[in-house]
Full PDB file with SEQRES, HELIX, SHEET, SSBOND, CRYST1, ORIGX, SCALE, CONECT and MASTER records, all heavy atoms in Angstrom:
SEQRES   1 A   35  PHE VAL TYR ASN PRO GLU SER ARG ARG PHE TYR GLN LEU          
SEQRES   2 A   35  ASP PRO LYS ASP MET ALA GLN ILE GLU LYS ARG ARG LYS          
SEQRES   3 A   35  GLY ALA LEU ILE LYS PHE LEU SER SER                          
HELIX    1 AA1 PRO A   15  MET A   18  5                                   4    
HELIX    2 AA2 ALA A   19  SER A   34  1                                  16    
SHEET    1 AA1 2 VAL A   2  ASN A   4  0                                        
SHEET    2 AA1 2 ARG A   9  TYR A  11 -1                                        
CRYST1    1.000    1.000    1.000  90.00  90.00  90.00 P 1           1          
ORIGX1      1.000000  0.000000  0.000000        0.00000                         
ORIGX2      0.000000  1.000000  0.000000        0.00000                         
ORIGX3      0.000000  0.000000  1.000000        0.00000                         
SCALE1      1.000000  0.000000  0.000000        0.00000                         
SCALE2      0.000000  1.000000  0.000000        0.00000                         
SCALE3      0.000000  0.000000  1.000000        0.00000                         
ATOM      1  N   PHE A   1      81.243  52.812 122.663  1.00  0.00           N  
ATOM      2  CA  PHE A   1      81.759  52.303 123.928  1.00  0.00           C  
ATOM      3  C   PHE A   1      83.191  52.781 124.106  1.00  0.00           C  
ATOM      4  O   PHE A   1      83.923  52.977 123.118  1.00  0.00           O  
ATOM      5  CB  PHE A   1      81.702  50.780 123.962  1.00  0.00           C  
ATOM      6  CG  PHE A   1      80.306  50.225 123.937  1.00  0.00           C  
ATOM      7  CD1 PHE A   1      79.641  50.034 122.736  1.00  0.00           C  
ATOM      8  CD2 PHE A   1      79.656  49.896 125.124  1.00  0.00           C  
ATOM      9  CE1 PHE A   1      78.349  49.514 122.703  1.00  0.00           C  
ATOM     10  CE2 PHE A   1      78.379  49.377 125.116  1.00  0.00           C  
ATOM     11  CZ  PHE A   1      77.712  49.185 123.906  1.00  0.00           C  
ATOM     12  N   VAL A   2      83.611  52.940 125.358  1.00  0.00           N  
ATOM     13  CA  VAL A   2      84.950  53.416 125.680  1.00  0.00           C  
ATOM     14  C   VAL A   2      85.584  52.479 126.694  1.00  0.00           C  
ATOM     15  O   VAL A   2      84.928  52.079 127.675  1.00  0.00           O  
ATOM     16  CB  VAL A   2      84.914  54.851 126.256  1.00  0.00           C  
ATOM     17  CG1 VAL A   2      86.324  55.302 126.655  1.00  0.00           C  
ATOM     18  CG2 VAL A   2      84.311  55.821 125.256  1.00  0.00           C  
ATOM     19  N   TYR A   3      86.837  52.122 126.438  1.00  0.00           N  
ATOM     20  CA  TYR A   3      87.599  51.380 127.437  1.00  0.00           C  
ATOM     21  C   TYR A   3      88.873  52.144 127.736  1.00  0.00           C  
ATOM     22  O   TYR A   3      89.699  52.370 126.855  1.00  0.00           O  
ATOM     23  CB  TYR A   3      87.941  49.971 126.972  1.00  0.00           C  
ATOM     24  CG  TYR A   3      88.721  49.199 128.015  1.00  0.00           C  
ATOM     25  CD1 TYR A   3      88.147  48.877 129.238  1.00  0.00           C  
ATOM     26  CD2 TYR A   3      90.036  48.810 127.784  1.00  0.00           C  
ATOM     27  CE1 TYR A   3      88.861  48.187 130.207  1.00  0.00           C  
ATOM     28  CE2 TYR A   3      90.753  48.104 128.742  1.00  0.00           C  
ATOM     29  CZ  TYR A   3      90.150  47.800 129.956  1.00  0.00           C  
ATOM     30  OH  TYR A   3      90.863  47.125 130.918  1.00  0.00           O  
ATOM     31  N   ASN A   4      89.006  52.578 128.998  1.00  0.00           N  
ATOM     32  CA  ASN A   4      90.183  53.318 129.442  1.00  0.00           C  
ATOM     33  C   ASN A   4      91.192  52.321 130.001  1.00  0.00           C  
ATOM     34  O   ASN A   4      90.972  51.751 131.067  1.00  0.00           O  
ATOM     35  CB  ASN A   4      89.775  54.336 130.518  1.00  0.00           C  
ATOM     36  CG  ASN A   4      90.921  55.227 130.943  1.00  0.00           C  
ATOM     37  OD1 ASN A   4      92.079  54.817 130.956  1.00  0.00           O  
ATOM     38  ND2 ASN A   4      90.601  56.451 131.318  1.00  0.00           N  
ATOM     39  N   PRO A   5      92.309  52.091 129.309  1.00  0.00           N  
ATOM     40  CA  PRO A   5      93.264  51.072 129.768  1.00  0.00           C  
ATOM     41  C   PRO A   5      94.031  51.476 131.017  1.00  0.00           C  
ATOM     42  O   PRO A   5      94.661  50.624 131.645  1.00  0.00           O  
ATOM     43  CB  PRO A   5      94.207  50.917 128.570  1.00  0.00           C  
ATOM     44  CG  PRO A   5      94.118  52.212 127.851  1.00  0.00           C  
ATOM     45  CD  PRO A   5      92.716  52.699 128.036  1.00  0.00           C  
ATOM     46  N   GLU A   6      93.974  52.758 131.394  1.00  0.00           N  
ATOM     47  CA  GLU A   6      94.655  53.188 132.622  1.00  0.00           C  
ATOM     48  C   GLU A   6      93.770  52.952 133.843  1.00  0.00           C  
ATOM     49  O   GLU A   6      94.210  52.389 134.844  1.00  0.00           O  
ATOM     50  CB  GLU A   6      95.052  54.654 132.520  1.00  0.00           C  
ATOM     51  CG  GLU A   6      96.184  54.920 131.541  1.00  0.00           C  
ATOM     52  CD  GLU A   6      96.703  56.337 131.629  1.00  0.00           C  
ATOM     53  OE1 GLU A   6      96.228  57.101 132.509  1.00  0.00           O  
ATOM     54  OE2 GLU A   6      97.570  56.702 130.816  1.00  0.00           O  
ATOM     55  N   SER A   7      92.504  53.387 133.753  1.00  0.00           N  
ATOM     56  CA  SER A   7      91.591  53.206 134.888  1.00  0.00           C  
ATOM     57  C   SER A   7      90.874  51.866 134.851  1.00  0.00           C  
ATOM     58  O   SER A   7      90.220  51.491 135.821  1.00  0.00           O  
ATOM     59  CB  SER A   7      90.555  54.331 134.897  1.00  0.00           C  
ATOM     60  OG  SER A   7      89.715  54.253 133.751  1.00  0.00           O  
ATOM     61  N   ARG A   8      90.987  51.149 133.720  1.00  0.00           N  
ATOM     62  CA  ARG A   8      90.314  49.859 133.505  1.00  0.00           C  
ATOM     63  C   ARG A   8      88.797  50.029 133.536  1.00  0.00           C  
ATOM     64  O   ARG A   8      88.066  49.117 133.909  1.00  0.00           O  
ATOM     65  CB  ARG A   8      90.749  48.831 134.549  1.00  0.00           C  
ATOM     66  CG  ARG A   8      92.244  48.677 134.737  1.00  0.00           C  
ATOM     67  CD  ARG A   8      92.932  48.135 133.509  1.00  0.00           C  
ATOM     68  NE  ARG A   8      92.603  46.730 133.278  1.00  0.00           N  
ATOM     69  CZ  ARG A   8      93.019  46.032 132.213  1.00  0.00           C  
ATOM     70  NH1 ARG A   8      93.750  46.641 131.290  1.00  0.00           N  
ATOM     71  NH2 ARG A   8      92.687  44.776 132.073  1.00  0.00           N  
ATOM     72  N   ARG A   9      88.330  51.182 133.129  1.00  0.00           N  
ATOM     73  CA  ARG A   9      86.892  51.448 133.114  1.00  0.00           C  
ATOM     74  C   ARG A   9      86.324  51.219 131.724  1.00  0.00           C  
ATOM     75  O   ARG A   9      86.873  51.703 130.732  1.00  0.00           O  
ATOM     76  CB  ARG A   9      86.615  52.888 133.551  1.00  0.00           C  
ATOM     77  CG  ARG A   9      85.128  53.231 133.607  1.00  0.00           C  
ATOM     78  CD  ARG A   9      84.916  54.712 133.854  1.00  0.00           C  
ATOM     79  NE  ARG A   9      83.500  55.069 133.792  1.00  0.00           N  
ATOM     80  CZ  ARG A   9      83.031  56.276 133.496  1.00  0.00           C  
ATOM     81  NH1 ARG A   9      83.884  57.263 133.247  1.00  0.00           N  
ATOM     82  NH2 ARG A   9      81.733  56.509 133.446  1.00  0.00           N  
ATOM     83  N   PHE A  10      85.209  50.507 131.664  1.00  0.00           N  
ATOM     84  CA  PHE A  10      84.506  50.241 130.410  1.00  0.00           C  
ATOM     85  C   PHE A  10      83.113  50.834 130.541  1.00  0.00           C  
ATOM     86  O   PHE A  10      82.398  50.558 131.510  1.00  0.00           O  
ATOM     87  CB  PHE A  10      84.420  48.734 130.167  1.00  0.00           C  
ATOM     88  CG  PHE A  10      83.748  48.351 128.866  1.00  0.00           C  
ATOM     89  CD1 PHE A  10      84.493  48.100 127.733  1.00  0.00           C  
ATOM     90  CD2 PHE A  10      82.368  48.258 128.791  1.00  0.00           C  
ATOM     91  CE1 PHE A  10      83.881  47.734 126.538  1.00  0.00           C  
ATOM     92  CE2 PHE A  10      81.748  47.892 127.609  1.00  0.00           C  
ATOM     93  CZ  PHE A  10      82.504  47.636 126.479  1.00  0.00           C  
ATOM     94  N   TYR A  11      82.705  51.650 129.556  1.00  0.00           N  
ATOM     95  CA  TYR A  11      81.386  52.275 129.640  1.00  0.00           C  
ATOM     96  C   TYR A  11      80.910  52.714 128.254  1.00  0.00           C  
ATOM     97  O   TYR A  11      81.688  52.754 127.299  1.00  0.00           O  
ATOM     98  CB  TYR A  11      81.412  53.484 130.567  1.00  0.00           C  
ATOM     99  CG  TYR A  11      82.366  54.590 130.155  1.00  0.00           C  
ATOM    100  CD1 TYR A  11      81.931  55.717 129.481  1.00  0.00           C  
ATOM    101  CD2 TYR A  11      83.729  54.493 130.447  1.00  0.00           C  
ATOM    102  CE1 TYR A  11      82.801  56.720 129.105  1.00  0.00           C  
ATOM    103  CE2 TYR A  11      84.616  55.486 130.075  1.00  0.00           C  
ATOM    104  CZ  TYR A  11      84.146  56.605 129.411  1.00  0.00           C  
ATOM    105  OH  TYR A  11      85.026  57.594 129.038  1.00  0.00           O  
ATOM    106  N   GLN A  12      79.636  53.019 128.168  1.00  0.00           N  
ATOM    107  CA  GLN A  12      79.049  53.513 126.925  1.00  0.00           C  
ATOM    108  C   GLN A  12      78.730  54.992 127.072  1.00  0.00           C  
ATOM    109  O   GLN A  12      78.209  55.430 128.104  1.00  0.00           O  
ATOM    110  CB  GLN A  12      77.761  52.747 126.589  1.00  0.00           C  
ATOM    111  CG  GLN A  12      77.098  53.226 125.285  1.00  0.00           C  
ATOM    112  CD  GLN A  12      75.819  52.457 124.973  1.00  0.00           C  
ATOM    113  OE1 GLN A  12      75.486  51.486 125.654  1.00  0.00           O  
ATOM    114  NE2 GLN A  12      75.102  52.895 123.951  1.00  0.00           N  
ATOM    115  N   LEU A  13      79.066  55.781 126.056  1.00  0.00           N  
ATOM    116  CA  LEU A  13      78.714  57.192 126.073  1.00  0.00           C  
ATOM    117  C   LEU A  13      77.194  57.336 126.046  1.00  0.00           C  
ATOM    118  O   LEU A  13      76.503  56.647 125.295  1.00  0.00           O  
ATOM    119  CB  LEU A  13      79.326  57.918 124.877  1.00  0.00           C  
ATOM    120  CG  LEU A  13      80.846  58.089 124.848  1.00  0.00           C  
ATOM    121  CD1 LEU A  13      81.242  58.900 123.618  1.00  0.00           C  
ATOM    122  CD2 LEU A  13      81.355  58.752 126.103  1.00  0.00           C  
ATOM    123  N   ASP A  14      76.699  58.233 126.863  1.00  0.00           N  
ATOM    124  CA  ASP A  14      75.253  58.453 126.951  1.00  0.00           C  
ATOM    125  C   ASP A  14      74.829  59.445 125.871  1.00  0.00           C  
ATOM    126  O   ASP A  14      75.285  60.599 125.878  1.00  0.00           O  
ATOM    127  CB  ASP A  14      74.904  58.991 128.335  1.00  0.00           C  
ATOM    128  CG  ASP A  14      73.405  59.031 128.571  1.00  0.00           C  
ATOM    129  OD1 ASP A  14      72.637  58.923 127.594  1.00  0.00           O  
ATOM    130  OD2 ASP A  14      72.999  59.181 129.732  1.00  0.00           O  
ATOM    131  N   PRO A  15      73.952  59.044 124.947  1.00  0.00           N  
ATOM    132  CA  PRO A  15      73.497  59.979 123.914  1.00  0.00           C  
ATOM    133  C   PRO A  15      72.859  61.237 124.493  1.00  0.00           C  
ATOM    134  O   PRO A  15      72.880  62.290 123.851  1.00  0.00           O  
ATOM    135  CB  PRO A  15      72.464  59.158 123.134  1.00  0.00           C  
ATOM    136  CG  PRO A  15      72.853  57.737 123.370  1.00  0.00           C  
ATOM    137  CD  PRO A  15      73.387  57.702 124.773  1.00  0.00           C  
ATOM    138  N   LYS A  16      72.333  61.160 125.711  1.00  0.00           N  
ATOM    139  CA  LYS A  16      71.726  62.338 126.322  1.00  0.00           C  
ATOM    140  C   LYS A  16      72.762  63.421 126.589  1.00  0.00           C  
ATOM    141  O   LYS A  16      72.441  64.614 126.599  1.00  0.00           O  
ATOM    142  CB  LYS A  16      71.038  61.942 127.631  1.00  0.00           C  
ATOM    143  CG  LYS A  16      69.828  61.044 127.449  1.00  0.00           C  
ATOM    144  CD  LYS A  16      69.186  60.709 128.789  1.00  0.00           C  
ATOM    145  CE  LYS A  16      67.982  59.789 128.611  1.00  0.00           C  
ATOM    146  NZ  LYS A  16      67.367  59.431 129.917  1.00  0.00           N  
ATOM    147  N   ASP A  17      74.007  63.006 126.814  1.00  0.00           N  
ATOM    148  CA  ASP A  17      75.068  63.979 127.048  1.00  0.00           C  
ATOM    149  C   ASP A  17      75.349  64.815 125.801  1.00  0.00           C  
ATOM    150  O   ASP A  17      75.894  65.910 125.885  1.00  0.00           O  
ATOM    151  CB  ASP A  17      76.356  63.272 127.476  1.00  0.00           C  
ATOM    152  CG  ASP A  17      76.213  62.600 128.831  1.00  0.00           C  
ATOM    153  OD1 ASP A  17      75.313  63.004 129.591  1.00  0.00           O  
ATOM    154  OD2 ASP A  17      76.991  61.679 129.120  1.00  0.00           O  
ATOM    155  N   MET A  18      74.981  64.287 124.639  1.00  0.00           N  
ATOM    156  CA  MET A  18      75.221  64.990 123.391  1.00  0.00           C  
ATOM    157  C   MET A  18      74.077  65.939 123.035  1.00  0.00           C  
ATOM    158  O   MET A  18      74.199  66.759 122.128  1.00  0.00           O  
ATOM    159  CB  MET A  18      75.379  63.979 122.237  1.00  0.00           C  
ATOM    160  CG  MET A  18      76.530  62.991 122.413  1.00  0.00           C  
ATOM    161  SD  MET A  18      78.139  63.788 122.445  1.00  0.00           S  
ATOM    162  CE  MET A  18      78.494  63.736 124.215  1.00  0.00           C  
ATOM    163  N   ALA A  19      72.966  65.841 123.750  1.00  0.00           N  
ATOM    164  CA  ALA A  19      71.793  66.643 123.421  1.00  0.00           C  
ATOM    165  C   ALA A  19      72.096  68.138 123.538  1.00  0.00           C  
ATOM    166  O   ALA A  19      71.683  68.942 122.682  1.00  0.00           O  
ATOM    167  CB  ALA A  19      70.619  66.255 124.312  1.00  0.00           C  
ATOM    168  N   GLN A  20      72.821  68.547 124.581  1.00  0.00           N  
ATOM    169  CA  GLN A  20      73.151  69.951 124.771  1.00  0.00           C  
ATOM    170  C   GLN A  20      74.069  70.455 123.668  1.00  0.00           C  
ATOM    171  O   GLN A  20      73.933  71.587 123.187  1.00  0.00           O  
ATOM    172  CB  GLN A  20      73.796  70.160 126.143  1.00  0.00           C  
ATOM    173  CG  GLN A  20      74.057  71.622 126.500  1.00  0.00           C  
ATOM    174  CD  GLN A  20      72.778  72.438 126.586  1.00  0.00           C  
ATOM    175  OE1 GLN A  20      71.741  71.915 126.981  1.00  0.00           O  
ATOM    176  NE2 GLN A  20      72.853  73.707 126.229  1.00  0.00           N  
ATOM    177  N   ILE A  21      75.023  69.614 123.270  1.00  0.00           N  
ATOM    178  CA  ILE A  21      75.928  70.004 122.188  1.00  0.00           C  
ATOM    179  C   ILE A  21      75.158  70.161 120.884  1.00  0.00           C  
ATOM    180  O   ILE A  21      75.377  71.097 120.118  1.00  0.00           O  
ATOM    181  CB  ILE A  21      77.053  68.962 122.026  1.00  0.00           C  
ATOM    182  CG1 ILE A  21      77.915  68.938 123.291  1.00  0.00           C  
ATOM    183  CG2 ILE A  21      77.911  69.256 120.792  1.00  0.00           C  
ATOM    184  CD1 ILE A  21      79.022  67.908 123.250  1.00  0.00           C  
ATOM    185  N   GLU A  22      74.228  69.248 120.628  1.00  0.00           N  
ATOM    186  CA  GLU A  22      73.426  69.335 119.406  1.00  0.00           C  
ATOM    187  C   GLU A  22      72.550  70.578 119.423  1.00  0.00           C  
ATOM    188  O   GLU A  22      72.404  71.259 118.393  1.00  0.00           O  
ATOM    189  CB  GLU A  22      72.556  68.075 119.282  1.00  0.00           C  
ATOM    190  CG  GLU A  22      71.705  68.020 118.039  1.00  0.00           C  
ATOM    191  CD  GLU A  22      72.502  67.943 116.756  1.00  0.00           C  
ATOM    192  OE1 GLU A  22      73.712  67.605 116.812  1.00  0.00           O  
ATOM    193  OE2 GLU A  22      71.937  68.214 115.689  1.00  0.00           O  
ATOM    194  N   LYS A  23      71.994  70.917 120.569  1.00  0.00           N  
ATOM    195  CA  LYS A  23      71.178  72.127 120.697  1.00  0.00           C  
ATOM    196  C   LYS A  23      72.021  73.364 120.419  1.00  0.00           C  
ATOM    197  O   LYS A  23      71.592  74.296 119.730  1.00  0.00           O  
ATOM    198  CB  LYS A  23      70.570  72.191 122.095  1.00  0.00           C  
ATOM    199  CG  LYS A  23      69.677  73.396 122.328  1.00  0.00           C  
ATOM    200  CD  LYS A  23      69.082  73.364 123.735  1.00  0.00           C  
ATOM    201  CE  LYS A  23      68.191  74.571 123.988  1.00  0.00           C  
ATOM    202  NZ  LYS A  23      67.628  74.542 125.365  1.00  0.00           N  
ATOM    203  N   ARG A  24      73.255  73.378 120.964  1.00  0.00           N  
ATOM    204  CA  ARG A  24      74.158  74.497 120.744  1.00  0.00           C  
ATOM    205  C   ARG A  24      74.551  74.596 119.280  1.00  0.00           C  
ATOM    206  O   ARG A  24      74.672  75.689 118.715  1.00  0.00           O  
ATOM    207  CB  ARG A  24      75.384  74.337 121.622  1.00  0.00           C  
ATOM    208  CG  ARG A  24      76.305  75.549 121.662  1.00  0.00           C  
ATOM    209  CD  ARG A  24      77.558  75.257 122.473  1.00  0.00           C  
ATOM    210  NE  ARG A  24      77.206  74.762 123.796  1.00  0.00           N  
ATOM    211  CZ  ARG A  24      77.660  73.637 124.293  1.00  0.00           C  
ATOM    212  NH1 ARG A  24      78.463  72.860 123.581  1.00  0.00           N  
ATOM    213  NH2 ARG A  24      77.318  73.251 125.502  1.00  0.00           N  
ATOM    214  N   ARG A  25      74.766  73.451 118.646  1.00  0.00           N  
ATOM    215  CA  ARG A  25      75.139  73.440 117.228  1.00  0.00           C  
ATOM    216  C   ARG A  25      74.047  74.041 116.357  1.00  0.00           C  
ATOM    217  O   ARG A  25      74.321  74.851 115.461  1.00  0.00           O  
ATOM    218  CB  ARG A  25      75.419  72.001 116.780  1.00  0.00           C  
ATOM    219  CG  ARG A  25      75.954  71.879 115.364  1.00  0.00           C  
ATOM    220  CD  ARG A  25      76.048  70.429 114.942  1.00  0.00           C  
ATOM    221  NE  ARG A  25      74.723  69.855 114.746  1.00  0.00           N  
ATOM    222  CZ  ARG A  25      74.018  69.971 113.605  1.00  0.00           C  
ATOM    223  NH1 ARG A  25      74.526  70.629 112.578  1.00  0.00           N  
ATOM    224  NH2 ARG A  25      72.841  69.409 113.489  1.00  0.00           N  
ATOM    225  N   LYS A  26      72.824  73.680 116.620  1.00  0.00           N  
ATOM    226  CA  LYS A  26      71.704  74.220 115.845  1.00  0.00           C  
ATOM    227  C   LYS A  26      71.546  75.715 116.073  1.00  0.00           C  
ATOM    228  O   LYS A  26      71.244  76.480 115.154  1.00  0.00           O  
ATOM    229  CB  LYS A  26      70.423  73.474 116.204  1.00  0.00           C  
ATOM    230  CG  LYS A  26      70.404  72.038 115.729  1.00  0.00           C  
ATOM    231  CD  LYS A  26      69.100  71.331 116.101  1.00  0.00           C  
ATOM    232  CE  LYS A  26      69.094  69.898 115.589  1.00  0.00           C  
ATOM    233  NZ  LYS A  26      67.829  69.199 115.957  1.00  0.00           N  
ATOM    234  N   GLY A  27      71.757  76.144 117.328  1.00  0.00           N  
ATOM    235  CA  GLY A  27      71.679  77.571 117.628  1.00  0.00           C  
ATOM    236  C   GLY A  27      72.741  78.369 116.899  1.00  0.00           C  
ATOM    237  O   GLY A  27      72.482  79.474 116.412  1.00  0.00           O  
ATOM    238  N   ALA A  28      73.960  77.806 116.822  1.00  0.00           N  
ATOM    239  CA  ALA A  28      75.046  78.488 116.112  1.00  0.00           C  
ATOM    240  C   ALA A  28      74.754  78.581 114.623  1.00  0.00           C  
ATOM    241  O   ALA A  28      75.070  79.586 113.987  1.00  0.00           O  
ATOM    242  CB  ALA A  28      76.362  77.747 116.351  1.00  0.00           C  
ATOM    243  N   LEU A  29      74.135  77.562 114.077  1.00  0.00           N  
ATOM    244  CA  LEU A  29      73.790  77.588 112.646  1.00  0.00           C  
ATOM    245  C   LEU A  29      72.746  78.666 112.365  1.00  0.00           C  
ATOM    246  O   LEU A  29      72.841  79.395 111.369  1.00  0.00           O  
ATOM    247  CB  LEU A  29      73.274  76.217 112.222  1.00  0.00           C  
ATOM    248  CG  LEU A  29      72.912  76.053 110.749  1.00  0.00           C  
ATOM    249  CD1 LEU A  29      74.109  76.375 109.869  1.00  0.00           C  
ATOM    250  CD2 LEU A  29      72.418  74.641 110.469  1.00  0.00           C  
ATOM    251  N   ILE A  30      71.768  78.780 113.238  1.00  0.00           N  
ATOM    252  CA  ILE A  30      70.748  79.829 113.072  1.00  0.00           C  
ATOM    253  C   ILE A  30      71.392  81.212 113.156  1.00  0.00           C  
ATOM    254  O   ILE A  30      71.065  82.120 112.388  1.00  0.00           O  
ATOM    255  CB  ILE A  30      69.649  79.665 114.146  1.00  0.00           C  
ATOM    256  CG1 ILE A  30      68.847  78.384 113.877  1.00  0.00           C  
ATOM    257  CG2 ILE A  30      68.716  80.880 114.148  1.00  0.00           C  
ATOM    258  CD1 ILE A  30      67.841  78.054 114.961  1.00  0.00           C  
ATOM    259  N   LYS A  31      72.330  81.375 114.103  1.00  0.00           N  
ATOM    260  CA  LYS A  31      73.019  82.655 114.238  1.00  0.00           C  
ATOM    261  C   LYS A  31      73.831  82.967 112.991  1.00  0.00           C  
ATOM    262  O   LYS A  31      73.856  84.124 112.533  1.00  0.00           O  
ATOM    263  CB  LYS A  31      73.935  82.613 115.462  1.00  0.00           C  
ATOM    264  CG  LYS A  31      74.708  83.918 115.704  1.00  0.00           C  
ATOM    265  CD  LYS A  31      73.775  85.071 115.982  1.00  0.00           C  
ATOM    266  CE  LYS A  31      74.556  86.333 116.310  1.00  0.00           C  
ATOM    267  NZ  LYS A  31      73.675  87.506 116.527  1.00  0.00           N  
ATOM    268  N   PHE A  32      74.485  81.971 112.427  1.00  0.00           N  
ATOM    269  CA  PHE A  32      75.247  82.181 111.192  1.00  0.00           C  
ATOM    270  C   PHE A  32      74.344  82.691 110.078  1.00  0.00           C  
ATOM    271  O   PHE A  32      74.677  83.641 109.365  1.00  0.00           O  
ATOM    272  CB  PHE A  32      75.925  80.874 110.771  1.00  0.00           C  
ATOM    273  CG  PHE A  32      76.445  80.899 109.364  1.00  0.00           C  
ATOM    274  CD1 PHE A  32      77.671  81.483 109.078  1.00  0.00           C  
ATOM    275  CD2 PHE A  32      75.709  80.343 108.320  1.00  0.00           C  
ATOM    276  CE1 PHE A  32      78.151  81.520 107.768  1.00  0.00           C  
ATOM    277  CE2 PHE A  32      76.187  80.378 107.022  1.00  0.00           C  
ATOM    278  CZ  PHE A  32      77.400  80.970 106.738  1.00  0.00           C  
ATOM    279  N   LEU A  33      73.189  82.056 109.924  1.00  0.00           N  
ATOM    280  CA  LEU A  33      72.291  82.426 108.827  1.00  0.00           C  
ATOM    281  C   LEU A  33      71.754  83.851 108.966  1.00  0.00           C  
ATOM    282  O   LEU A  33      71.438  84.501 107.968  1.00  0.00           O  
ATOM    283  CB  LEU A  33      71.130  81.426 108.754  1.00  0.00           C  
ATOM    284  CG  LEU A  33      71.520  79.993 108.373  1.00  0.00           C  
ATOM    285  CD1 LEU A  33      70.328  79.057 108.487  1.00  0.00           C  
ATOM    286  CD2 LEU A  33      72.093  79.943 106.958  1.00  0.00           C  
ATOM    287  N   SER A  34      71.665  84.337 110.206  1.00  0.00           N  
ATOM    288  CA  SER A  34      71.109  85.667 110.427  1.00  0.00           C  
ATOM    289  C   SER A  34      72.190  86.740 110.572  1.00  0.00           C  
ATOM    290  O   SER A  34      71.858  87.917 110.715  1.00  0.00           O  
ATOM    291  CB  SER A  34      70.229  85.659 111.685  1.00  0.00           C  
ATOM    292  OG  SER A  34      71.004  85.357 112.843  1.00  0.00           O  
ATOM    293  N   SER A  35      73.463  86.366 110.533  1.00  0.00           N  
ATOM    294  CA  SER A  35      74.552  87.319 110.751  1.00  0.00           C  
ATOM    295  C   SER A  35      75.041  87.919 109.441  1.00  0.00           C  
ATOM    296  O   SER A  35      74.922  87.310 108.368  1.00  0.00           O  
ATOM    297  CB  SER A  35      75.725  86.630 111.459  1.00  0.00           C  
ATOM    298  OG  SER A  35      75.348  86.214 112.755  1.00  0.00           O  
TER     299      SER A  35                                                      
MASTER        0    0    0    2    2    0    0    6  298    1    0    3          
END                                                                             
């Protein structure tokens, strides 16, 4: 969860937003192994 004391916004990070980063991470690992 994140609370921004300037904007007074409280919210939870969406795990779906991390899916693309995780996909990119796995792709980079595969590239490392084949380089």
